[in-house]
Amino acid sequence: MRVTFKLYASLAEHLPATADGHQAVLEVPDDTTPVQLLEHHGVPLAQVHLVLVNGVFVPPGEREQPLSEGDELAVWPAVAGG
């Protein structure tokens, strides 16, 4: 299935070489979860803070739910500053 994978800020370095800006369209196996996709691309899960699927927040306990064809997964690290 095809999904759009978006990584922001310091996590963007984990996008594949085919990425366009901060996103890449990927072919992934059916039933791939957000956690599996992040792990596959070497994203340190300890740095993952905000996860959205199709613009809807996904709490940590629900990140093992499979993605669907056409989903957009967007991920941000914790941001500090002032």
PDB file of N, CA and C in Angstrom:
ATOM      1  N   MET A   1       0.848  -1.174   0.000  1.00  0.00           N
ATOM      2  CA  MET A   1       0.000   0.000   0.000  1.00  0.00           C
ATOM      3  C   MET A   1       0.889   1.231   0.000  1.00  0.00           C
ATOM      4  N   ARG A   2       0.338   2.325  -0.390  1.00  0.00           N
ATOM      5  CA  ARG A   2       1.083   3.579  -0.501  1.00  0.00           C
ATOM      6  C   ARG A   2       0.659   4.522   0.628  1.00  0.00           C
ATOM      7  N   VAL A   3       1.667   5.092   1.326  1.00  0.00           N
ATOM      8  CA  VAL A   3       1.422   6.064   2.381  1.00  0.00           C
ATOM      9  C   VAL A   3       2.392   7.234   2.208  1.00  0.00           C
ATOM     10  N   THR A   4       2.016   8.380   2.754  1.00  0.00           N
ATOM     11  CA  THR A   4       2.903   9.534   2.768  1.00  0.00           C
ATOM     12  C   THR A   4       3.500   9.628   4.165  1.00  0.00           C
ATOM     13  N   PHE A   5       4.823   9.699   4.219  1.00  0.00           N
ATOM     14  CA  PHE A   5       5.591   9.696   5.465  1.00  0.00           C
ATOM     15  C   PHE A   5       6.238  11.065   5.608  1.00  0.00           C
ATOM     16  N   LYS A   6       5.880  11.779   6.682  1.00  0.00           N
ATOM     17  CA  LYS A   6       6.400  13.126   6.906  1.00  0.00           C
ATOM     18  C   LYS A   6       7.130  13.176   8.244  1.00  0.00           C
ATOM     19  N   LEU A   7       8.359  13.673   8.204  1.00  0.00           N
ATOM     20  CA  LEU A   7       9.138  13.860   9.421  1.00  0.00           C
ATOM     21  C   LEU A   7       9.571  15.317   9.490  1.00  0.00           C
ATOM     22  N   TYR A   8       9.467  15.906  10.671  1.00  0.00           N
ATOM     23  CA  TYR A   8       9.769  17.317  10.846  1.00  0.00           C
ATOM     24  C   TYR A   8      10.939  17.535  11.795  1.00  0.00           C
ATOM     25  N   ALA A   9      11.518  18.719  11.686  1.00  0.00           N
ATOM     26  CA  ALA A   9      12.628  19.174  12.530  1.00  0.00           C
ATOM     27  C   ALA A   9      13.772  18.160  12.473  1.00  0.00           C
ATOM     28  N   SER A  10      14.344  17.822  13.615  1.00  0.00           N
ATOM     29  CA  SER A  10      15.522  16.950  13.641  1.00  0.00           C
ATOM     30  C   SER A  10      15.241  15.545  13.135  1.00  0.00           C
ATOM     31  N   LEU A  11      13.996  15.122  13.102  1.00  0.00           N
ATOM     32  CA  LEU A  11      13.674  13.766  12.632  1.00  0.00           C
ATOM     33  C   LEU A  11      13.772  13.635  11.120  1.00  0.00           C
ATOM     34  N   ALA A  12      13.758  14.757  10.402  1.00  0.00           N
ATOM     35  CA  ALA A  12      13.763  14.722   8.935  1.00  0.00           C
ATOM     36  C   ALA A  12      14.989  14.017   8.363  1.00  0.00           C
ATOM     37  N   GLU A  13      16.067  13.958   9.116  1.00  0.00           N
ATOM     38  CA  GLU A  13      17.280  13.281   8.630  1.00  0.00           C
ATOM     39  C   GLU A  13      17.063  11.782   8.410  1.00  0.00           C
ATOM     40  N   HIS A  14      15.982  11.250   8.923  1.00  0.00           N
ATOM     41  CA  HIS A  14      15.685   9.824   8.773  1.00  0.00           C
ATOM     42  C   HIS A  14      14.818   9.502   7.552  1.00  0.00           C
ATOM     43  N   LEU A  15      14.443  10.519   6.803  1.00  0.00           N
ATOM     44  CA  LEU A  15      13.669  10.276   5.582  1.00  0.00           C
ATOM     45  C   LEU A  15      14.553   9.601   4.536  1.00  0.00           C
ATOM     46  N   PRO A  16      13.951   8.790   3.664  1.00  0.00           N
ATOM     47  CA  PRO A  16      14.746   8.167   2.608  1.00  0.00           C
ATOM     48  C   PRO A  16      15.249   9.210   1.603  1.00  0.00           C
ATOM     49  N   ALA A  17      16.236   8.817   0.821  1.00  0.00           N
ATOM     50  CA  ALA A  17      16.839   9.719  -0.174  1.00  0.00           C
ATOM     51  C   ALA A  17      15.817  10.211  -1.199  1.00  0.00           C
ATOM     52  N   THR A  18      14.733   9.479  -1.372  1.00  0.00           N
ATOM     53  CA  THR A  18      13.693   9.858  -2.343  1.00  0.00           C
ATOM     54  C   THR A  18      12.762  10.946  -1.822  1.00  0.00           C
ATOM     55  N   ALA A  19      12.995  11.407  -0.597  1.00  0.00           N
ATOM     56  CA  ALA A  19      12.110  12.402   0.016  1.00  0.00           C
ATOM     57  C   ALA A  19      12.127  13.705  -0.771  1.00  0.00           C
ATOM     58  N   ASP A  20      10.985  14.353  -0.778  1.00  0.00           N
ATOM     59  CA  ASP A  20      10.836  15.674  -1.384  1.00  0.00           C
ATOM     60  C   ASP A  20      10.541  16.637  -0.244  1.00  0.00           C
ATOM     61  N   GLY A  21      11.545  17.384   0.176  1.00  0.00           N
ATOM     62  CA  GLY A  21      11.374  18.244   1.339  1.00  0.00           C
ATOM     63  C   GLY A  21      11.296  17.400   2.589  1.00  0.00           C
ATOM     64  N   HIS A  22      10.219  17.542   3.326  1.00  0.00           N
ATOM     65  CA  HIS A  22      10.070  16.809   4.582  1.00  0.00           C
ATOM     66  C   HIS A  22       9.155  15.593   4.456  1.00  0.00           C
ATOM     67  N   GLN A  23       8.906  15.126   3.227  1.00  0.00           N
ATOM     68  CA  GLN A  23       8.002  13.990   3.069  1.00  0.00           C
ATOM     69  C   GLN A  23       8.449  13.051   1.967  1.00  0.00           C
ATOM     70  N   ALA A  24       7.968  11.818   2.065  1.00  0.00           N
ATOM     71  CA  ALA A  24       8.223  10.810   1.037  1.00  0.00           C
ATOM     72  C   ALA A  24       6.971   9.953   0.885  1.00  0.00           C
ATOM     73  N   VAL A  25       6.654   9.607  -0.347  1.00  0.00           N
ATOM     74  CA  VAL A  25       5.568   8.667  -0.605  1.00  0.00           C
ATOM     75  C   VAL A  25       6.217   7.291  -0.693  1.00  0.00           C
ATOM     76  N   LEU A  26       5.718   6.365   0.136  1.00  0.00           N
ATOM     77  CA  LEU A  26       6.338   5.048   0.262  1.00  0.00           C
ATOM     78  C   LEU A  26       5.360   3.929  -0.040  1.00  0.00           C
ATOM     79  N   GLU A  27       5.883   2.850  -0.582  1.00  0.00           N
ATOM     80  CA  GLU A  27       5.144   1.593  -0.687  1.00  0.00           C
ATOM     81  C   GLU A  27       5.517   0.761   0.535  1.00  0.00           C
ATOM     82  N   VAL A  28       4.539   0.382   1.326  1.00  0.00           N
ATOM     83  CA  VAL A  28       4.781  -0.404   2.525  1.00  0.00           C
ATOM     84  C   VAL A  28       3.850  -1.611   2.531  1.00  0.00           C
ATOM     85  N   PRO A  29       4.222  -2.657   3.266  1.00  0.00           N
ATOM     86  CA  PRO A  29       3.337  -3.818   3.356  1.00  0.00           C
ATOM     87  C   PRO A  29       2.002  -3.457   4.014  1.00  0.00           C
ATOM     88  N   ASP A  30       0.955  -4.145   3.618  1.00  0.00           N
ATOM     89  CA  ASP A  30      -0.339  -3.978   4.284  1.00  0.00           C
ATOM     90  C   ASP A  30      -0.153  -4.221   5.782  1.00  0.00           C
ATOM     91  N   ASP A  31      -0.930  -3.555   6.581  1.00  0.00           N
ATOM     92  CA  ASP A  31      -0.910  -3.682   8.043  1.00  0.00           C
ATOM     93  C   ASP A  31       0.331  -3.093   8.699  1.00  0.00           C
ATOM     94  N   THR A  32       1.106  -2.283   7.988  1.00  0.00           N
ATOM     95  CA  THR A  32       2.229  -1.591   8.598  1.00  0.00           C
ATOM     96  C   THR A  32       1.688  -0.582   9.604  1.00  0.00           C
ATOM     97  N   THR A  33       2.315  -0.526  10.775  1.00  0.00           N
ATOM     98  CA  THR A  33       1.899   0.416  11.814  1.00  0.00           C
ATOM     99  C   THR A  33       2.827   1.634  11.812  1.00  0.00           C
ATOM    100  N   PRO A  34       2.398   2.728  12.432  1.00  0.00           N
ATOM    101  CA  PRO A  34       3.299   3.872  12.549  1.00  0.00           C
ATOM    102  C   PRO A  34       4.628   3.505  13.224  1.00  0.00           C
ATOM    103  N   VAL A  35       4.582   2.729  14.285  1.00  0.00           N
ATOM    104  CA  VAL A  35       5.805   2.341  14.986  1.00  0.00           C
ATOM    105  C   VAL A  35       6.724   1.539  14.067  1.00  0.00           C
ATOM    106  N   GLN A  36       6.165   0.602  13.313  1.00  0.00           N
ATOM    107  CA  GLN A  36       6.983  -0.191  12.394  1.00  0.00           C
ATOM    108  C   GLN A  36       7.646   0.689  11.339  1.00  0.00           C
ATOM    109  N   LEU A  37       6.908   1.645  10.813  1.00  0.00           N
ATOM    110  CA  LEU A  37       7.456   2.527   9.786  1.00  0.00           C
ATOM    111  C   LEU A  37       8.578   3.385  10.364  1.00  0.00           C
ATOM    112  N   LEU A  38       8.373   3.904  11.558  1.00  0.00           N
ATOM    113  CA  LEU A  38       9.411   4.700  12.210  1.00  0.00           C
ATOM    114  C   LEU A  38      10.656   3.867  12.476  1.00  0.00           C
ATOM    115  N   GLU A  39      10.473   2.666  13.004  1.00  0.00           N
ATOM    116  CA  GLU A  39      11.614   1.796  13.290  1.00  0.00           C
ATOM    117  C   GLU A  39      12.356   1.417  12.010  1.00  0.00           C
ATOM    118  N   HIS A  40      11.621   1.137  10.957  1.00  0.00           N
ATOM    119  CA  HIS A  40      12.228   0.751   9.684  1.00  0.00           C
ATOM    120  C   HIS A  40      13.149   1.850   9.146  1.00  0.00           C
ATOM    121  N   HIS A  41      12.804   3.090   9.416  1.00  0.00           N
ATOM    122  CA  HIS A  41      13.595   4.210   8.926  1.00  0.00           C
ATOM    123  C   HIS A  41      14.589   4.743   9.962  1.00  0.00           C
ATOM    124  N   GLY A  42      14.750   4.007  11.060  1.00  0.00           N
ATOM    125  CA  GLY A  42      15.755   4.365  12.054  1.00  0.00           C
ATOM    126  C   GLY A  42      15.426   5.570  12.900  1.00  0.00           C
ATOM    127  N   VAL A  43      14.156   5.905  12.988  1.00  0.00           N
ATOM    128  CA  VAL A  43      13.757   7.050  13.808  1.00  0.00           C
ATOM    129  C   VAL A  43      13.783   6.612  15.277  1.00  0.00           C
ATOM    130  N   PRO A  44      14.553   7.305  16.125  1.00  0.00           N
ATOM    131  CA  PRO A  44      14.589   6.944  17.545  1.00  0.00           C
ATOM    132  C   PRO A  44      13.237   7.224  18.201  1.00  0.00           C
ATOM    133  N   LEU A  45      12.570   6.179  18.628  1.00  0.00           N
ATOM    134  CA  LEU A  45      11.225   6.341  19.189  1.00  0.00           C
ATOM    135  C   LEU A  45      11.217   7.231  20.426  1.00  0.00           C
ATOM    136  N   ALA A  46      12.322   7.275  21.149  1.00  0.00           N
ATOM    137  CA  ALA A  46      12.396   8.137  22.334  1.00  0.00           C
ATOM    138  C   ALA A  46      12.319   9.608  21.958  1.00  0.00           C
ATOM    139  N   GLN A  47      12.625   9.943  20.711  1.00  0.00           N
ATOM    140  CA  GLN A  47      12.576  11.334  20.262  1.00  0.00           C
ATOM    141  C   GLN A  47      11.239  11.705  19.635  1.00  0.00           C
ATOM    142  N   VAL A  48      10.381  10.713  19.412  1.00  0.00           N
ATOM    143  CA  VAL A  48       9.076  10.961  18.786  1.00  0.00           C
ATOM    144  C   VAL A  48       8.125  11.529  19.833  1.00  0.00           C
ATOM    145  N   HIS A  49       7.517  12.657  19.496  1.00  0.00           N
ATOM    146  CA  HIS A  49       6.596  13.290  20.441  1.00  0.00           C
ATOM    147  C   HIS A  49       5.167  13.331  19.893  1.00  0.00           C
ATOM    148  N   LEU A  50       4.994  13.987  18.767  1.00  0.00           N
ATOM    149  CA  LEU A  50       3.660  14.187  18.206  1.00  0.00           C
ATOM    150  C   LEU A  50       3.509  13.335  16.947  1.00  0.00           C
ATOM    151  N   VAL A  51       2.479  12.495  16.928  1.00  0.00           N
ATOM    152  CA  VAL A  51       2.204  11.634  15.778  1.00  0.00           C
ATOM    153  C   VAL A  51       0.779  11.902  15.313  1.00  0.00           C
ATOM    154  N   LEU A  52       0.647  12.198  14.022  1.00  0.00           N
ATOM    155  CA  LEU A  52      -0.665  12.411  13.422  1.00  0.00           C
ATOM    156  C   LEU A  52      -0.841  11.467  12.248  1.00  0.00           C
ATOM    157  N   VAL A  53      -2.035  10.897  12.117  1.00  0.00           N
ATOM    158  CA  VAL A  53      -2.402  10.135  10.927  1.00  0.00           C
ATOM    159  C   VAL A  53      -3.587  10.869  10.316  1.00  0.00           C
ATOM    160  N   ASN A  54      -3.379  11.355   9.099  1.00  0.00           N
ATOM    161  CA  ASN A  54      -4.402  12.136   8.400  1.00  0.00           C
ATOM    162  C   ASN A  54      -4.870  13.334   9.224  1.00  0.00           C
ATOM    163  N   GLY A  55      -3.903  13.955   9.933  1.00  0.00           N
ATOM    164  CA  GLY A  55      -4.205  15.149  10.710  1.00  0.00           C
ATOM    165  C   GLY A  55      -4.823  14.903  12.067  1.00  0.00           C
ATOM    166  N   VAL A  56      -4.955  13.649  12.468  1.00  0.00           N
ATOM    167  CA  VAL A  56      -5.570  13.308  13.755  1.00  0.00           C
ATOM    168  C   VAL A  56      -4.493  12.767  14.697  1.00  0.00           C
ATOM    169  N   PHE A  57      -4.399  13.351  15.891  1.00  0.00           N
ATOM    170  CA  PHE A  57      -3.419  12.931  16.888  1.00  0.00           C
ATOM    171  C   PHE A  57      -3.588  11.454  17.230  1.00  0.00           C
ATOM    172  N   VAL A  58      -2.456  10.746  17.288  1.00  0.00           N
ATOM    173  CA  VAL A  58      -2.446   9.332  17.670  1.00  0.00           C
ATOM    174  C   VAL A  58      -1.657   9.219  18.978  1.00  0.00           C
ATOM    175  N   PRO A  59      -2.336   8.910  20.096  1.00  0.00           N
ATOM    176  CA  PRO A  59      -1.629   8.787  21.365  1.00  0.00           C
ATOM    177  C   PRO A  59      -0.682   7.583  21.351  1.00  0.00           C
ATOM    178  N   PRO A  60       0.343   7.597  22.210  1.00  0.00           N
ATOM    179  CA  PRO A  60       1.331   6.513  22.211  1.00  0.00           C
ATOM    180  C   PRO A  60       0.738   5.109  22.265  1.00  0.00           C
ATOM    181  N   GLY A  61      -0.302   4.911  23.010  1.00  0.00           N
ATOM    182  CA  GLY A  61      -0.900   3.581  23.140  1.00  0.00           C
ATOM    183  C   GLY A  61      -1.626   3.085  21.897  1.00  0.00           C
ATOM    184  N   GLU A  62      -1.811   3.946  20.913  1.00  0.00           N
ATOM    185  CA  GLU A  62      -2.541   3.561  19.702  1.00  0.00           C
ATOM    186  C   GLU A  62      -1.661   3.550  18.452  1.00  0.00           C
ATOM    187  N   ARG A  63      -0.360   3.663  18.620  1.00  0.00           N
ATOM    188  CA  ARG A  63       0.553   3.760  17.480  1.00  0.00           C
ATOM    189  C   ARG A  63       0.895   2.406  16.865  1.00  0.00           C
ATOM    190  N   GLU A  64       0.277   1.346  17.381  1.00  0.00           N
ATOM    191  CA  GLU A  64       0.440   0.010  16.802  1.00  0.00           C
ATOM    192  C   GLU A  64      -0.754  -0.352  15.907  1.00  0.00           C
ATOM    193  N   GLN A  65      -1.674   0.600  15.715  1.00  0.00           N
ATOM    194  CA  GLN A  65      -2.812   0.372  14.823  1.00  0.00           C
ATOM    195  C   GLN A  65      -2.325   0.472  13.381  1.00  0.00           C
ATOM    196  N   PRO A  66      -2.707  -0.458  12.517  1.00  0.00           N
ATOM    197  CA  PRO A  66      -2.222  -0.433  11.132  1.00  0.00           C
ATOM    198  C   PRO A  66      -2.664   0.818  10.371  1.00  0.00           C
ATOM    199  N   LEU A  67      -1.773   1.264   9.518  1.00  0.00           N
ATOM    200  CA  LEU A  67      -2.101   2.332   8.580  1.00  0.00           C
ATOM    201  C   LEU A  67      -2.945   1.755   7.455  1.00  0.00           C
ATOM    202  N   SER A  68      -3.593   2.624   6.688  1.00  0.00           N
ATOM    203  CA  SER A  68      -4.408   2.212   5.546  1.00  0.00           C
ATOM    204  C   SER A  68      -3.877   2.862   4.277  1.00  0.00           C
ATOM    205  N   GLU A  69      -4.246   2.311   3.147  1.00  0.00           N
ATOM    206  CA  GLU A  69      -3.875   2.862   1.843  1.00  0.00           C
ATOM    207  C   GLU A  69      -4.179   4.358   1.799  1.00  0.00           C
ATOM    208  N   GLY A  70      -3.193   5.151   1.391  1.00  0.00           N
ATOM    209  CA  GLY A  70      -3.384   6.584   1.232  1.00  0.00           C
ATOM    210  C   GLY A  70      -3.206   7.409   2.490  1.00  0.00           C
ATOM    211  N   ASP A  71      -2.939   6.766   3.626  1.00  0.00           N
ATOM    212  CA  ASP A  71      -2.761   7.517   4.871  1.00  0.00           C
ATOM    213  C   ASP A  71      -1.541   8.420   4.801  1.00  0.00           C
ATOM    214  N   GLU A  72      -1.584   9.468   5.606  1.00  0.00           N
ATOM    215  CA  GLU A  72      -0.473  10.397   5.752  1.00  0.00           C
ATOM    216  C   GLU A  72      -0.038  10.352   7.213  1.00  0.00           C
ATOM    217  N   LEU A  73       1.199   9.909   7.442  1.00  0.00           N
ATOM    218  CA  LEU A  73       1.767   9.839   8.785  1.00  0.00           C
ATOM    219  C   LEU A  73       2.723  11.006   8.954  1.00  0.00           C
ATOM    220  N   ALA A  74       2.468  11.862   9.926  1.00  0.00           N
ATOM    221  CA  ALA A  74       3.313  13.033  10.198  1.00  0.00           C
ATOM    222  C   ALA A  74       3.822  12.941  11.627  1.00  0.00           C
ATOM    223  N   VAL A  75       5.139  13.180  11.804  1.00  0.00           N
ATOM    224  CA  VAL A  75       5.760  12.983  13.107  1.00  0.00           C
ATOM    225  C   VAL A  75       6.690  14.153  13.437  1.00  0.00           C
ATOM    226  N   TRP A  76       6.602  14.630  14.696  1.00  0.00           N
ATOM    227  CA  TRP A  76       7.445  15.700  15.187  1.00  0.00           C
ATOM    228  C   TRP A  76       8.160  15.262  16.460  1.00  0.00           C
ATOM    229  N   PRO A  77       9.367  15.773  16.676  1.00  0.00           N
ATOM    230  CA  PRO A  77      10.022  15.557  17.966  1.00  0.00           C
ATOM    231  C   PRO A  77       9.489  16.578  18.963  1.00  0.00           C
ATOM    232  N   ALA A  78       9.860  16.391  20.223  1.00  0.00           N
ATOM    233  CA  ALA A  78       9.542  17.424  21.212  1.00  0.00           C
ATOM    234  C   ALA A  78      10.310  18.684  20.818  1.00  0.00           C
ATOM    235  N   VAL A  79       9.673  19.817  20.963  1.00  0.00           N
ATOM    236  CA  VAL A  79      10.305  21.074  20.554  1.00  0.00           C
ATOM    237  C   VAL A  79      10.503  21.921  21.805  1.00  0.00           C
ATOM    238  N   ALA A  80      11.693  22.463  21.925  1.00  0.00           N
ATOM    239  CA  ALA A  80      11.996  23.358  23.052  1.00  0.00           C
ATOM    240  C   ALA A  80      12.415  24.707  22.503  1.00  0.00           C
ATOM    241  N   GLY A  81      12.272  25.687  23.276  1.00  0.00           N
ATOM    242  CA  GLY A  81      12.685  27.016  22.847  1.00  0.00           C
ATOM    243  C   GLY A  81      11.957  28.070  23.631  1.00  0.00           C
ATOM    244  N   GLY A  82      12.224  29.275  23.262  1.00  0.00           N
ATOM    245  CA  GLY A  82      11.537  30.311  24.007  1.00  0.00           C
ATOM    246  C   GLY A  82      11.752  31.661  23.431  1.00  0.00           C
TER     247      GLY A  82
END
